[in-house]
Structures are given as structure tokens and as C-alpha cells.
Amino acid sequence: MAEKFYLIAKAKGIKDDFFNRLNFEVFGGTPVVGINANVVVGHGISNRKAITSMVLQTRDVVHADLARKIKEAVGA
């Protein structure tokens, strides 16, 4: 849903830091919490730039060992 807000703001020529934080092309995807492995879910309207960003973000999540850190933090 945030993707749509970004696209509407962009189409209307609104330039604002708040809407820039909703830019799906920059963030690419969202890490999924509560699982036993590193997973990043992409946005449904992802284009080439968004997919590239998601792959780079996934690399960062894997290198940070996010799943293990979350598991250790909750004592699982």
C-alpha cells in the first residue's frame, strides 16, 4: 500500500522526504521476522530498479545474520 502512496505523490509532483521513505524502488523489499531463515519479500509492483535494490538489501540482511540474531534475542 505504501507503494501506491509514493506513486500518487510522485505523479502529482510532490517532493517530500516523507514520501521518499515510501519509495519502493529504493527499499526493494521487507525482511520477514518470525522465521528460521533470512527472507525478504518484494513489493508487488517492483520494477528492475526495485528488484535490484531488493537483492542488495537481501545481501545485507544475510551478511548481518538477521534471522540468527532475532532467534537469539527472543531466546528461541
Protein backbone atom coordinates (compact mmCIF):
# COMPACT_ATOMS: atom_id res chain seq x y z
CA MET A 1 0.00 0.00 0.00
CA ALA A 2 2.88 2.38 0.72
CA GLU A 3 4.00 1.91 -2.88
CA LYS A 4 0.73 3.40 -4.13
CA PHE A 5 1.06 6.48 -1.88
CA TYR A 6 4.54 7.01 -3.27
CA LEU A 7 3.36 6.69 -6.87
CA ILE A 8 0.47 9.13 -6.29
CA ALA A 9 2.80 11.69 -4.66
CA LYS A 10 5.30 11.26 -7.49
CA ALA A 11 2.59 11.64 -10.15
CA LYS A 12 1.37 14.85 -8.51
CA GLY A 13 4.90 16.24 -8.39
CA ILE A 14 5.02 16.20 -4.58
CA LYS A 15 8.62 16.21 -3.39
CA ASP A 16 8.76 15.47 0.29
CA ASP A 17 11.13 13.44 2.49
CA PHE A 18 8.17 11.55 3.98
CA PHE A 19 7.05 10.25 0.60
CA ASN A 20 10.63 9.48 -0.38
CA ARG A 21 10.75 6.99 2.52
CA LEU A 22 7.93 5.11 0.78
CA ASN A 23 9.92 4.74 -2.45
CA PHE A 24 9.71 1.02 -3.17
CA GLU A 25 12.44 1.33 -5.80
CA VAL A 26 14.96 2.32 -3.13
CA PHE A 27 13.97 -0.17 -0.43
CA GLY A 28 13.05 -3.06 -2.71
CA GLY A 29 11.51 -5.31 -0.07
CA THR A 30 10.80 -6.00 3.55
CA PRO A 31 12.60 -8.50 5.80
CA VAL A 32 10.17 -11.06 7.25
CA VAL A 33 10.51 -11.54 11.01
CA GLY A 34 9.48 -14.66 12.90
CA ILE A 35 11.01 -17.33 10.68
CA ASN A 36 14.08 -19.52 10.86
CA ALA A 37 15.82 -18.11 7.79
CA ASN A 38 16.57 -14.79 6.14
CA VAL A 39 13.68 -13.81 3.85
CA VAL A 40 12.96 -10.53 2.09
CA VAL A 41 9.58 -10.09 0.40
CA GLY A 42 9.47 -7.85 -2.66
CA HIS A 43 6.73 -5.37 -3.44
CA GLY A 44 4.06 -6.41 -5.91
CA ILE A 45 4.77 -3.59 -8.35
CA SER A 46 8.54 -4.00 -8.36
CA ASN A 47 10.39 -2.90 -11.46
CA ARG A 48 14.01 -3.59 -12.41
CA LYS A 49 15.39 -0.92 -10.04
CA ALA A 50 13.27 -2.19 -7.13
CA ILE A 51 14.35 -5.80 -7.72
CA THR A 52 18.00 -4.73 -7.83
CA SER A 53 17.52 -2.87 -4.54
CA MET A 54 15.83 -5.91 -3.02
CA VAL A 55 18.72 -8.20 -4.00
CA LEU A 56 21.21 -5.76 -2.44
CA GLN A 57 19.06 -5.45 0.69
CA THR A 58 18.82 -9.24 0.94
CA ARG A 59 22.61 -9.46 0.74
CA ASP A 60 22.85 -7.03 3.67
CA VAL A 61 20.27 -8.99 5.69
CA VAL A 62 22.17 -12.25 5.08
CA HIS A 63 25.55 -10.70 5.97
CA ALA A 64 24.02 -9.22 9.14
CA ASP A 65 22.74 -12.73 10.03
CA LEU A 66 19.42 -11.18 10.96
CA ALA A 67 17.48 -14.44 11.47
CA ARG A 68 20.04 -15.80 13.96
CA LYS A 69 20.19 -12.52 15.87
CA ILE A 70 16.41 -12.37 16.19
CA LYS A 71 16.30 -16.01 17.29
CA GLU A 72 18.95 -15.36 19.95
CA ALA A 73 17.20 -12.17 21.12
CA VAL A 74 13.91 -13.97 21.77
CA GLY A 75 15.66 -16.96 23.33
CA ALA A 76 14.37 -19.48 20.81
